[in-house]
Amino acid sequence: MAWTGEIEAPSSREDEAACAASSSPCARREAKATPCGTIARAGPEEREATERTQAEQALRASEERFRLTFENAPIGMAIVALDGAFIRVNHVFCEIVGYAADALSRLRFQDITHPDDVDADVGLVERLRRGEIPRYQLAKRYIHKDGTTIPVVLHVSVVRDERGEPIHYISQVEDVTARKRADEERERLLAQLDTERRTLRTIFDSAPVPLLLVDRSGAERIIANPHARDCIGGAVDRGQYVGRVRRADGAPVPLDELPSSRSMRGETIPGEELAIVRADGSYRTFLVAAAPLRDGAGKITGAVVAGEDISPLKELERMREEWTSVIAHDLRQPISTIVFKASLLARHPQCSDVARHILASATQLNRMITDLLDVSRLESRRLELLRAEVDLPALIRATVERTADATAGHRVDVEVRSAVPPLLADPGRLEQVLTNLLSNAAKYGAPGAPIRVALERRGGEVLVAVENEGEGIAPEDLPRLFTRYYRAREAKAGGAAGLGLGLYIAGGLVAAHGGRIWAESAAGKTTFRFALPLP
């Protein structure tokens, strides 16, 4: 048991017997040899000295524990006299202000406080000293030994004696430089984000084209800029305007086929022509583009849809097509008269050469007029196909015979590689496609080189290929061959007559049959292919 400096009285008969036994000379001699016997016989002075020694040891131990706790505290600690002088500081406080402890012992807290903050806590100190508040917390600035400003948070309380009189202050100081920098950086980023958000909002609202933002969460609500609101009214979810979006042919677009729906499946729509029915029942035609919106992890969170109102352009195009159709029809009759008269003149020997030139030019002009009419019908979707069962191998051979003049100087070989069932197609329009491809092969192929026509069945399609030998077509020209009025560099360089409509019309006719057409070109060989679906 611990020694308390006091001796306990016997509390039992065994203890009394022990005391009696100790009164014998032998027992007394043994007692002198033991510490217990020594303490038991110690006088009041010795006991008082022992207790004082133990108290001093306990005090020194307590002081050592306080010193260690004070010195190793993870925060700046300072004991400050009532006049502001530093009594004691720990090493963290020294690190914060850059001074050694002995240097701080010659300073007051005002000496290391920023001049603008010296008076910041005067009132708080007085209230603390008078006992009106138990403690206070204050953000202020210290001046480091190297002159830099250190933002700190100061916690101060007062230590009082047993009479309640203040002895000194004890302060905890936390260096918040890193926190302040983080806060400033956060504020800067928030301000930057707010500026960017306002900029994007301004761009979004001021954009001269309709813009929609579709939020995938919840009911897939939409945010529309003013131009878009003019088109879709006050709709706030996509279901409200589904029936008002139509394709170029007038068919309504279902919800899952809207550009926004396709974008939210990950598809990017570069441009699609759609019509919007406005609240007053009028139509506006837009070129619509859409793209998915993704978060930082790449997950699709919505879609952005942009549209360009091309209604004025469509109206100009309609007027142009109408004008072209009218002019072509008006030219048809005089051209037919010229062809008829030139045919009559060609029968007379004295003017046969002149008449043949007139007839050739009139025939070429008539072909151009026919092309213009076909373009007008294709673009206005007024082209009618007179479908019938077509024996394609027989049609190809007959077309080769009828285009003998256009392919003069070239041997034309026809190869049927597999059995081909009858097609349900417009034979006149298919012959027009074949005639165009054969005349192009003869016009741009090497002189005297053979032309090969191959026919075969592949799955549910019939594939036709027209191949010629020559310089070939430049790779950059291939994607544009079937564009209206486009002529390859070889055609321009060769001075070949034409408007650049032949392949465009051929592509439109094949597409009207539900097929596809394309071109391939390698060194010394060019092949045009088109595929038609079997019934």
Protein backbone atom coordinates (compact mmCIF):
# COMPACT_ATOMS: atom_id res chain seq x y z
CA MET A 1 0.00 0.00 0.00
CA ALA A 2 1.08 3.58 -0.53
CA TRP A 3 2.69 5.46 2.25
CA THR A 4 0.50 8.31 3.54
CA GLY A 5 2.70 9.67 6.28
CA GLU A 6 0.27 8.47 8.98
CA ILE A 7 0.27 5.40 11.17
CA GLU A 8 -2.97 3.42 11.47
CA ALA A 9 -4.23 2.21 14.97
CA PRO A 10 -4.62 -1.57 15.59
CA SER A 11 -8.03 -2.72 14.57
CA SER A 12 -8.10 -6.38 15.77
CA ARG A 13 -6.93 -8.75 18.51
CA GLU A 14 -4.21 -10.02 16.18
CA ASP A 15 -2.88 -6.50 15.91
CA GLU A 16 -2.97 -6.09 19.74
CA ALA A 17 -1.06 -9.31 20.13
CA ALA A 18 1.47 -8.15 17.64
CA CYS A 19 1.94 -4.94 19.57
CA ALA A 20 2.33 -6.87 22.83
CA ALA A 21 4.85 -9.11 21.24
CA SER A 22 6.76 -6.15 20.06
CA SER A 23 7.23 -4.97 23.64
CA SER A 24 9.63 -7.82 24.37
CA PRO A 25 13.35 -7.03 24.12
CA CYS A 26 13.78 -9.42 21.21
CA ALA A 27 10.84 -7.98 19.38
CA ARG A 28 12.11 -4.45 20.07
CA ARG A 29 15.49 -5.33 18.60
CA GLU A 30 13.78 -6.71 15.45
CA ALA A 31 11.61 -3.65 15.22
CA LYS A 32 14.67 -1.39 15.18
CA ALA A 33 15.96 -3.35 12.19
CA THR A 34 12.83 -2.74 10.06
CA PRO A 35 11.64 0.48 8.28
CA CYS A 36 8.14 -0.01 9.62
CA GLY A 37 9.45 -0.05 13.13
CA THR A 38 11.47 3.03 12.39
CA ILE A 39 8.46 5.00 11.03
CA ALA A 40 6.28 3.72 13.82
CA ARG A 41 8.67 5.15 16.40
CA ALA A 42 9.28 8.42 14.35
CA GLY A 43 8.42 11.62 16.09
CA PRO A 44 6.17 14.46 14.79
CA GLU A 45 9.11 16.40 13.30
CA GLU A 46 10.26 13.41 11.28
CA ARG A 47 6.74 12.69 10.02
CA GLU A 48 6.30 16.36 9.01
CA ALA A 49 9.61 16.32 7.15
CA THR A 50 8.64 13.14 5.33
CA GLU A 51 5.28 14.57 4.30
CA ARG A 52 6.91 17.80 3.14
CA THR A 53 9.39 15.83 1.06
CA GLN A 54 6.60 13.80 -0.56
CA ALA A 55 4.60 16.97 -1.27
CA GLU A 56 7.61 18.60 -2.91
CA GLN A 57 8.20 15.50 -5.03
CA ALA A 58 4.54 15.46 -6.08
CA LEU A 59 4.70 19.16 -6.93
CA ARG A 60 7.84 18.71 -9.00
CA ALA A 61 6.22 15.77 -10.82
CA SER A 62 3.13 17.85 -11.48
CA GLU A 63 5.22 20.75 -12.73
CA GLU A 64 7.14 18.42 -15.03
CA ARG A 65 3.92 16.99 -16.44
CA PHE A 66 2.61 20.51 -17.05
CA ARG A 67 5.89 21.55 -18.70
CA LEU A 68 5.83 18.51 -21.00
CA THR A 69 2.18 19.03 -21.83
CA PHE A 70 2.75 22.73 -22.49
CA GLU A 71 5.86 22.18 -24.60
CA ASN A 72 4.42 19.32 -26.69
CA ALA A 73 0.98 20.78 -27.30
CA PRO A 74 0.11 20.55 -31.05
CA ILE A 75 -1.03 24.18 -31.04
CA GLY A 76 0.74 27.43 -30.17
CA MET A 77 0.59 28.10 -26.41
CA ALA A 78 1.59 31.26 -24.54
CA ILE A 79 1.32 32.53 -20.99
CA VAL A 80 1.05 36.32 -21.11
CA ALA A 81 1.37 38.72 -18.23
CA LEU A 82 -1.36 41.27 -17.57
CA ASP A 83 0.79 43.95 -19.21
CA GLY A 84 1.19 41.87 -22.38
CA ALA A 85 4.70 40.50 -21.72
CA PHE A 86 5.36 36.90 -22.64
CA ILE A 87 6.00 34.71 -19.61
CA ARG A 88 6.25 31.37 -21.31
CA VAL A 89 5.73 30.04 -24.86
CA ASN A 90 5.94 26.60 -26.40
CA HIS A 91 7.87 25.62 -29.51
CA VAL A 92 4.79 25.69 -31.82
CA PHE A 93 4.18 29.33 -30.87
CA CYS A 94 7.84 30.06 -31.65
CA GLU A 95 7.49 28.39 -35.04
CA ILE A 96 4.42 30.45 -35.84
CA VAL A 97 6.03 33.84 -35.16
CA GLY A 98 9.64 32.90 -36.01
CA TYR A 99 11.16 34.06 -32.70
CA ALA A 100 13.08 32.00 -30.15
CA ALA A 101 11.60 31.70 -26.65
CA ASP A 102 14.27 33.90 -25.04
CA ALA A 103 13.68 36.61 -27.65
CA LEU A 104 9.95 36.53 -26.98
CA SER A 105 10.56 36.90 -23.26
CA ARG A 106 11.74 40.44 -24.04
CA LEU A 107 8.66 41.27 -26.14
CA ARG A 108 5.01 41.92 -25.55
CA PHE A 109 2.16 40.49 -27.62
CA GLN A 110 1.56 43.97 -29.09
CA ASP A 111 5.06 43.84 -30.62
CA ILE A 112 4.20 40.87 -32.85
CA THR A 113 0.61 41.92 -33.65
CA HIS A 114 -0.21 43.51 -37.00
CA PRO A 115 -0.56 47.30 -36.53
CA ASP A 116 -4.12 47.24 -37.84
CA ASP A 117 -5.09 44.53 -35.32
CA VAL A 118 -3.46 45.89 -32.14
CA ASP A 119 -6.73 47.41 -30.90
CA ALA A 120 -8.90 44.56 -32.16
CA ASP A 121 -9.09 42.73 -28.82
CA VAL A 122 -8.59 45.58 -26.32
CA GLY A 123 -12.23 45.60 -25.38
CA LEU A 124 -12.37 41.82 -25.14
CA VAL A 125 -9.31 41.76 -22.88
CA GLU A 126 -10.90 44.29 -20.51
CA ARG A 127 -14.14 42.35 -20.35
CA LEU A 128 -12.19 39.14 -19.76
CA ARG A 129 -10.18 40.81 -17.00
CA ARG A 130 -13.32 42.09 -15.28
CA GLY A 131 -14.86 38.61 -15.42
CA GLU A 132 -17.69 39.58 -17.81
CA ILE A 133 -16.73 36.78 -20.22
CA PRO A 134 -14.90 33.51 -19.42
CA ARG A 135 -12.89 33.49 -22.62
CA TYR A 136 -12.89 34.85 -26.16
CA GLN A 137 -11.88 33.84 -29.68
CA LEU A 138 -10.57 36.26 -32.27
CA ALA A 139 -9.13 36.11 -35.76
CA LYS A 140 -6.17 38.43 -36.14
CA ARG A 141 -2.76 38.76 -37.76
CA TYR A 142 0.74 38.38 -36.35
CA ILE A 143 3.92 39.73 -37.90
CA HIS A 144 6.50 36.99 -38.45
CA LYS A 145 10.12 37.73 -37.67
CA ASP A 146 10.82 37.84 -41.43
CA GLY A 147 8.12 40.49 -41.90
CA THR A 148 5.42 38.31 -43.43
CA THR A 149 1.86 38.45 -42.16
CA ILE A 150 0.56 35.32 -40.42
CA PRO A 151 -3.24 34.94 -40.07
CA VAL A 152 -4.08 33.26 -36.75
CA VAL A 153 -7.07 32.36 -34.60
CA LEU A 154 -6.51 33.36 -30.98
CA HIS A 155 -8.23 31.70 -27.98
CA VAL A 156 -7.67 33.57 -24.68
CA SER A 157 -8.72 32.89 -21.10
CA VAL A 158 -7.57 34.36 -17.79
CA VAL A 159 -6.03 32.57 -14.77
CA ARG A 160 -7.11 33.88 -11.34
CA ASP A 161 -5.88 33.33 -7.79
CA GLU A 162 -7.94 32.02 -4.89
CA ARG A 163 -9.34 35.51 -4.31
CA GLY A 164 -10.49 35.79 -7.96
CA GLU A 165 -7.86 38.31 -8.93
CA PRO A 166 -6.37 37.87 -12.46
CA ILE A 167 -2.80 36.57 -12.48
CA HIS A 168 -2.04 36.17 -16.18
CA TYR A 169 -3.58 35.18 -19.49
CA ILE A 170 -3.21 31.86 -21.28
CA SER A 171 -3.48 31.90 -25.05
CA GLN A 172 -3.87 29.25 -27.72
CA VAL A 173 -2.78 30.35 -31.17
CA GLU A 174 -3.63 28.46 -34.38
CA ASP A 175 -1.85 29.30 -37.62
CA VAL A 176 -4.62 29.37 -40.25
CA THR A 177 -2.44 30.38 -43.20
CA ALA A 178 -3.14 27.14 -45.10
CA ARG A 179 -6.83 27.30 -44.24
CA LYS A 180 -7.02 30.94 -45.30
CA ARG A 181 -5.30 30.14 -48.59
CA ALA A 182 -7.71 27.24 -49.13
CA ASP A 183 -10.65 29.52 -48.37
CA GLU A 184 -9.32 32.19 -50.72
CA GLU A 185 -8.76 29.59 -53.43
CA ARG A 186 -12.26 28.23 -52.88
CA GLU A 187 -13.71 31.72 -53.10
CA ARG A 188 -11.69 32.38 -56.24
CA LEU A 189 -12.92 29.16 -57.83
CA LEU A 190 -16.49 29.87 -56.80
CA ALA A 191 -16.24 33.36 -58.30
CA GLN A 192 -14.72 31.89 -61.45
CA LEU A 193 -17.48 29.28 -61.65
CA ASP A 194 -20.10 31.96 -61.14
CA THR A 195 -18.54 34.08 -63.89
CA GLU A 196 -18.42 31.12 -66.25
CA ARG A 197 -22.00 30.19 -65.36
CA ARG A 198 -23.16 33.75 -66.05
CA THR A 199 -21.19 33.81 -69.31
CA LEU A 200 -22.66 30.49 -70.44
CA ARG A 201 -26.13 31.63 -69.43
CA THR A 202 -25.69 34.85 -71.42
CA ILE A 203 -24.48 32.90 -74.45
CA PHE A 204 -27.32 30.42 -74.03
CA ASP A 205 -30.00 33.10 -73.73
CA SER A 206 -28.52 35.35 -76.44
CA ALA A 207 -27.76 32.64 -78.99
CA PRO A 208 -29.37 33.49 -82.35
CA VAL A 209 -30.54 29.88 -82.75
CA PRO A 210 -32.90 27.74 -80.66
CA LEU A 211 -31.07 25.83 -77.90
CA LEU A 212 -32.43 23.14 -75.58
CA LEU A 213 -30.82 21.50 -72.56
CA VAL A 214 -32.45 18.21 -71.60
CA ASP A 215 -31.92 16.98 -68.05
CA ARG A 216 -31.95 13.20 -67.90
CA SER A 217 -32.86 13.04 -64.21
CA GLY A 218 -36.46 12.87 -63.07
CA ALA A 219 -39.00 13.78 -65.73
CA GLU A 220 -36.35 14.73 -68.28
CA ARG A 221 -37.23 18.39 -68.10
CA ILE A 222 -35.90 20.86 -70.62
CA ILE A 223 -34.37 24.32 -70.41
CA ALA A 224 -35.03 26.43 -73.48
CA ASN A 225 -33.56 29.74 -74.58
CA PRO A 226 -35.90 32.48 -75.88
CA HIS A 227 -35.62 31.37 -79.51
CA ALA A 228 -36.48 27.80 -78.56
CA ARG A 229 -39.43 28.95 -76.45
CA ASP A 230 -40.81 30.75 -79.49
CA CYS A 231 -40.78 27.39 -81.29
CA ILE A 232 -42.00 25.00 -78.60
CA GLY A 233 -44.04 27.40 -76.45
CA GLY A 234 -43.99 26.82 -72.73
CA ALA A 235 -43.25 23.08 -72.84
CA VAL A 236 -41.07 21.97 -69.95
CA ASP A 237 -40.81 18.26 -70.71
CA ARG A 238 -40.26 16.49 -73.97
CA GLY A 239 -43.62 14.70 -73.94
CA GLN A 240 -45.38 18.02 -74.47
CA TYR A 241 -43.92 18.67 -77.90
CA VAL A 242 -43.43 15.19 -79.32
CA GLY A 243 -46.36 15.44 -81.72
CA ARG A 244 -45.16 18.83 -82.97
CA VAL A 245 -41.86 17.55 -84.37
CA ARG A 246 -42.14 16.09 -87.86
CA ARG A 247 -39.82 14.72 -90.49
CA ALA A 248 -39.34 16.34 -93.87
CA ASP A 249 -42.11 14.15 -95.31
CA GLY A 250 -44.55 15.26 -92.60
CA ALA A 251 -44.45 12.07 -90.50
CA PRO A 252 -44.38 12.73 -86.72
CA VAL A 253 -41.18 11.79 -84.87
CA PRO A 254 -41.78 9.38 -81.95
CA LEU A 255 -40.30 10.18 -78.55
CA ASP A 256 -37.48 7.61 -78.72
CA GLU A 257 -36.41 8.91 -82.15
CA LEU A 258 -36.12 12.56 -81.18
CA PRO A 259 -32.57 13.93 -81.52
CA SER A 260 -32.43 14.44 -77.73
CA SER A 261 -33.42 10.80 -77.09
CA ARG A 262 -30.81 9.50 -79.50
CA SER A 263 -28.16 11.75 -77.91
CA MET A 264 -28.99 10.43 -74.45
CA ARG A 265 -28.22 6.98 -75.86
CA GLY A 266 -24.75 8.28 -76.78
CA GLU A 267 -25.36 9.28 -80.40
CA THR A 268 -24.20 12.57 -81.89
CA ILE A 269 -26.47 14.03 -84.59
CA PRO A 270 -24.52 16.45 -86.80
CA GLY A 271 -27.59 17.75 -88.65
CA GLU A 272 -31.11 16.51 -89.40
CA GLU A 273 -33.89 18.36 -91.17
CA LEU A 274 -37.03 18.50 -89.01
CA ALA A 275 -40.22 20.56 -89.11
CA ILE A 276 -41.75 22.10 -86.00
CA VAL A 277 -45.46 22.85 -85.76
CA ARG A 278 -45.85 26.16 -83.97
CA ALA A 279 -48.68 27.10 -81.63
CA ASP A 280 -50.49 28.95 -84.44
CA GLY A 281 -50.35 25.86 -86.66
CA SER A 282 -47.61 27.14 -88.98
CA TYR A 283 -44.55 25.09 -89.87
CA ARG A 284 -40.91 26.04 -89.50
CA THR A 285 -38.11 23.90 -90.87
CA PHE A 286 -34.96 23.47 -88.79
CA LEU A 287 -31.59 21.85 -89.27
CA VAL A 288 -31.24 20.14 -85.88
CA ALA A 289 -28.01 18.96 -84.24
CA ALA A 290 -27.72 17.19 -80.88
CA ALA A 291 -25.00 15.79 -78.63
CA PRO A 292 -24.90 14.02 -75.25
CA LEU A 293 -23.90 15.81 -72.05
CA ARG A 294 -21.55 13.86 -69.77
CA ASP A 295 -20.34 14.34 -66.22
CA GLY A 296 -16.75 14.03 -65.03
CA ALA A 297 -17.03 10.24 -64.93
CA GLY A 298 -18.26 10.08 -68.53
CA LYS A 299 -21.85 9.21 -67.57
CA ILE A 300 -24.52 10.73 -69.81
CA THR A 301 -26.56 13.22 -67.78
CA GLY A 302 -28.60 14.82 -70.55
CA ALA A 303 -28.40 16.27 -74.05
CA VAL A 304 -27.97 19.61 -75.78
CA VAL A 305 -30.02 20.31 -78.90
CA ALA A 306 -29.39 23.17 -81.33
CA GLY A 307 -31.47 24.13 -84.31
CA GLU A 308 -31.07 26.50 -87.23
CA ASP A 309 -34.18 27.89 -88.83
CA ILE A 310 -33.79 27.15 -92.52
CA SER A 311 -37.37 28.01 -93.47
CA PRO A 312 -36.28 31.03 -95.57
CA LEU A 313 -33.75 28.86 -97.36
CA LYS A 314 -36.36 26.17 -97.95
CA GLU A 315 -38.68 28.80 -99.39
CA LEU A 316 -35.93 30.06 -101.70
CA GLU A 317 -35.21 26.50 -102.71
CA ARG A 318 -38.87 25.90 -103.44
CA MET A 319 -39.03 29.04 -105.55
CA ARG A 320 -35.87 28.03 -107.39
CA GLU A 321 -37.21 24.56 -108.09
CA GLU A 322 -40.48 26.03 -109.26
CA TRP A 323 -38.65 28.44 -111.51
CA THR A 324 -36.44 25.66 -112.88
CA SER A 325 -39.46 23.50 -113.56
CA VAL A 326 -41.30 26.30 -115.34
CA ILE A 327 -38.29 27.27 -117.44
CA ALA A 328 -37.59 23.64 -118.35
CA HIS A 329 -41.19 23.08 -119.38
CA ASP A 330 -41.23 26.29 -121.40
CA LEU A 331 -37.97 25.31 -123.19
CA ARG A 332 -39.18 21.79 -123.93
CA GLN A 333 -41.52 22.79 -126.75
CA PRO A 334 -39.10 24.98 -128.77
CA ILE A 335 -36.34 22.42 -128.31
CA SER A 336 -38.63 19.69 -129.60
CA THR A 337 -39.43 21.87 -132.62
CA ILE A 338 -35.72 22.45 -133.28
CA VAL A 339 -35.02 18.71 -133.05
CA PHE A 340 -37.90 17.93 -135.44
CA LYS A 341 -36.81 20.57 -137.99
CA ALA A 342 -33.14 19.54 -137.76
CA SER A 343 -34.15 15.93 -138.42
CA LEU A 344 -35.95 17.00 -141.58
CA LEU A 345 -33.01 19.12 -142.74
CA ALA A 346 -30.61 16.24 -142.14
CA ARG A 347 -32.31 14.35 -144.96
CA HIS A 348 -31.16 16.91 -147.54
CA PRO A 349 -27.57 16.28 -148.71
CA GLN A 350 -26.68 19.93 -149.14
CA CYS A 351 -27.40 20.79 -145.45
CA SER A 352 -27.01 17.40 -143.75
CA ASP A 353 -23.77 18.31 -141.90
CA VAL A 354 -25.17 21.54 -140.49
CA ALA A 355 -28.42 19.82 -139.59
CA ARG A 356 -26.60 17.03 -137.76
CA HIS A 357 -24.72 19.61 -135.64
CA ILE A 358 -27.99 21.38 -134.86
CA LEU A 359 -29.62 18.04 -134.01
CA ALA A 360 -26.76 16.99 -131.70
CA SER A 361 -26.77 20.31 -129.85
CA ALA A 362 -30.55 20.31 -129.52
CA THR A 363 -30.49 16.72 -128.25
CA GLN A 364 -27.87 17.65 -125.64
CA LEU A 365 -29.92 20.70 -124.61
CA ASN A 366 -33.02 18.52 -124.38
CA ARG A 367 -31.11 16.11 -122.13
CA MET A 368 -30.10 18.98 -119.84
CA ILE A 369 -33.71 20.15 -119.61
CA THR A 370 -34.77 16.62 -118.74
CA ASP A 371 -32.13 16.51 -116.02
CA LEU A 372 -33.36 19.81 -114.56
CA LEU A 373 -36.90 18.50 -114.49
CA ASP A 374 -35.78 15.29 -112.81
CA VAL A 375 -33.85 17.30 -110.17
CA SER A 376 -36.94 19.38 -109.51
CA ARG A 377 -39.06 16.25 -109.09
CA LEU A 378 -36.53 14.57 -106.81
CA GLU A 379 -36.08 17.58 -104.53
CA SER A 380 -39.80 18.32 -104.32
CA ARG A 381 -40.51 14.59 -103.77
CA ARG A 382 -42.83 14.53 -106.77
CA LEU A 383 -40.96 11.76 -108.58
CA GLU A 384 -43.31 8.93 -109.47
CA LEU A 385 -42.01 5.41 -110.05
CA LEU A 386 -43.98 3.17 -112.42
CA ARG A 387 -43.07 -0.13 -110.82
CA ALA A 388 -43.31 -3.40 -112.70
CA GLU A 389 -41.54 -6.75 -112.72
CA VAL A 390 -38.14 -6.21 -114.32
CA ASP A 391 -35.80 -8.83 -115.73
CA LEU A 392 -32.62 -6.96 -114.83
CA PRO A 393 -30.14 -9.00 -116.95
CA ALA A 394 -32.32 -8.45 -120.02
CA LEU A 395 -32.73 -4.75 -119.22
CA ILE A 396 -28.96 -4.33 -118.90
CA ARG A 397 -28.29 -5.99 -122.27
CA ALA A 398 -30.98 -3.89 -123.98
CA THR A 399 -29.59 -0.70 -122.44
CA VAL A 400 -26.09 -1.59 -123.66
CA GLU A 401 -27.46 -1.92 -127.19
CA ARG A 402 -29.42 1.33 -127.03
CA THR A 403 -26.38 3.27 -125.76
CA ALA A 404 -24.09 2.01 -128.53
CA ASP A 405 -23.66 5.55 -129.88
CA ALA A 406 -22.64 6.91 -126.44
CA THR A 407 -20.14 4.07 -125.88
CA ALA A 408 -18.76 4.03 -129.42
CA GLY A 409 -15.10 2.97 -129.46
CA HIS A 410 -15.46 0.82 -126.30
CA ARG A 411 -16.34 -2.85 -126.04
CA VAL A 412 -19.02 -3.38 -123.41
CA ASP A 413 -19.01 -6.80 -121.69
CA VAL A 414 -21.94 -7.95 -119.57
CA GLU A 415 -21.36 -10.69 -116.97
CA VAL A 416 -24.22 -12.26 -115.00
CA ARG A 417 -22.48 -14.00 -112.10
CA SER A 418 -25.52 -15.58 -110.46
CA ALA A 419 -29.22 -16.10 -111.00
CA VAL A 420 -31.18 -12.92 -110.33
CA PRO A 421 -34.95 -13.04 -109.66
CA PRO A 422 -37.22 -10.35 -111.14
CA LEU A 423 -37.23 -6.94 -109.43
CA LEU A 424 -40.20 -4.72 -108.69
CA ALA A 425 -38.90 -1.45 -110.13
CA ASP A 426 -39.43 1.30 -112.71
CA PRO A 427 -37.65 -0.04 -115.83
CA GLY A 428 -37.40 3.40 -117.45
CA ARG A 429 -35.69 4.92 -114.42
CA LEU A 430 -33.28 1.96 -114.05
CA GLU A 431 -32.36 2.35 -117.71
CA GLN A 432 -31.73 6.06 -117.05
CA VAL A 433 -29.30 5.11 -114.22
CA LEU A 434 -27.50 2.53 -116.40
CA THR A 435 -27.30 4.93 -119.35
CA ASN A 436 -25.69 7.58 -117.18
CA LEU A 437 -23.09 5.16 -115.75
CA LEU A 438 -22.26 3.71 -119.20
CA SER A 439 -21.90 7.14 -120.85
CA ASN A 440 -19.67 8.33 -117.98
CA ALA A 441 -17.50 5.19 -118.32
CA ALA A 442 -17.04 5.89 -122.02
CA LYS A 443 -16.58 9.65 -121.57
CA TYR A 444 -13.93 9.48 -118.82
CA GLY A 445 -12.36 6.08 -119.51
CA ALA A 446 -9.21 5.43 -121.50
CA PRO A 447 -9.80 5.51 -125.29
CA GLY A 448 -10.60 2.04 -126.64
CA ALA A 449 -10.58 0.45 -123.17
CA PRO A 450 -13.35 -2.06 -122.52
CA ILE A 451 -16.27 -1.37 -120.19
CA ARG A 452 -17.43 -4.23 -117.96
CA VAL A 453 -20.90 -4.57 -116.45
CA ALA A 454 -21.28 -7.23 -113.72
CA LEU A 455 -24.52 -8.42 -112.14
CA GLU A 456 -24.98 -10.72 -109.14
CA ARG A 457 -27.20 -11.46 -106.20
CA ARG A 458 -25.87 -10.90 -102.67
CA GLY A 459 -28.22 -11.83 -99.87
CA GLY A 460 -31.39 -9.78 -100.19
CA GLU A 461 -29.92 -7.40 -102.79
CA VAL A 462 -28.95 -7.33 -106.43
CA LEU A 463 -25.57 -5.71 -107.03
CA VAL A 464 -24.69 -4.02 -110.35
CA ALA A 465 -21.16 -2.80 -111.11
CA VAL A 466 -19.98 -0.69 -114.08
CA GLU A 467 -16.22 -0.67 -114.43
CA ASN A 468 -13.90 1.22 -116.79
CA GLU A 469 -10.18 1.70 -117.13
CA GLY A 470 -8.56 5.12 -117.02
CA GLU A 471 -6.85 7.65 -114.76
CA GLY A 472 -9.34 7.10 -111.94
CA ILE A 473 -10.96 9.61 -109.60
CA ALA A 474 -9.10 11.51 -106.90
CA PRO A 475 -9.92 10.23 -103.36
CA GLU A 476 -11.12 13.66 -102.21
CA ASP A 477 -13.66 13.75 -105.07
CA LEU A 478 -15.27 10.38 -104.29
CA PRO A 479 -17.54 11.51 -101.40
CA ARG A 480 -18.90 14.41 -103.47
CA LEU A 481 -19.56 12.69 -106.79
CA PHE A 482 -23.29 12.34 -106.10
CA THR A 483 -23.69 15.99 -105.03
CA ARG A 484 -25.82 18.30 -107.13
CA TYR A 485 -23.86 20.32 -109.73
CA TYR A 486 -20.56 18.80 -108.65
CA ARG A 487 -18.05 17.89 -111.34
CA ALA A 488 -14.75 16.15 -110.65
CA ARG A 489 -11.51 17.83 -111.63
CA GLU A 490 -10.99 15.31 -114.43
CA ALA A 491 -14.35 16.28 -115.96
CA LYS A 492 -13.55 19.99 -115.80
CA ALA A 493 -10.07 19.50 -117.18
CA GLY A 494 -11.35 17.39 -120.08
CA GLY A 495 -13.91 20.00 -121.08
CA ALA A 496 -16.76 17.45 -121.03
CA ALA A 497 -20.20 18.97 -121.45
CA GLY A 498 -22.75 18.66 -118.64
CA LEU A 499 -24.25 20.34 -115.60
CA GLY A 500 -22.98 17.90 -113.00
CA LEU A 501 -26.45 16.47 -112.45
CA GLY A 502 -26.15 12.99 -113.95
CA LEU A 503 -24.76 11.18 -110.91
CA TYR A 504 -26.93 13.24 -108.57
CA ILE A 505 -30.04 12.09 -110.44
CA ALA A 506 -28.76 8.50 -110.60
CA GLY A 507 -28.27 8.53 -106.83
CA GLY A 508 -31.76 9.95 -106.30
CA LEU A 509 -33.35 7.35 -108.56
CA VAL A 510 -31.55 4.47 -106.83
CA ALA A 511 -32.54 5.87 -103.41
CA ALA A 512 -36.16 6.16 -104.58
CA HIS A 513 -36.06 2.39 -105.23
CA GLY A 514 -34.75 1.85 -101.67
CA GLY A 515 -31.23 1.13 -102.87
CA ARG A 516 -27.78 2.66 -102.49
CA ILE A 517 -25.04 3.78 -104.88
CA TRP A 518 -21.33 4.43 -104.44
CA ALA A 519 -18.05 4.71 -106.35
CA GLU A 520 -14.64 3.08 -105.95
CA SER A 521 -11.46 4.15 -107.68
CA ALA A 522 -7.95 2.77 -107.72
CA ALA A 523 -5.00 3.37 -109.98
CA GLY A 524 -6.13 2.68 -113.53
CA LYS A 525 -9.68 1.55 -112.68
CA THR A 526 -12.98 3.14 -111.60
CA THR A 527 -16.08 1.21 -110.56
CA PHE A 528 -19.57 2.52 -109.90
CA ARG A 529 -21.83 0.16 -107.96
CA PHE A 530 -25.46 0.26 -106.97
CA ALA A 531 -27.53 -2.20 -105.00
CA LEU A 532 -31.30 -2.72 -105.21
CA PRO A 533 -33.42 -4.67 -102.71
CA LEU A 534 -35.18 -7.80 -103.81
CA PRO A 535 -38.96 -7.89 -103.32
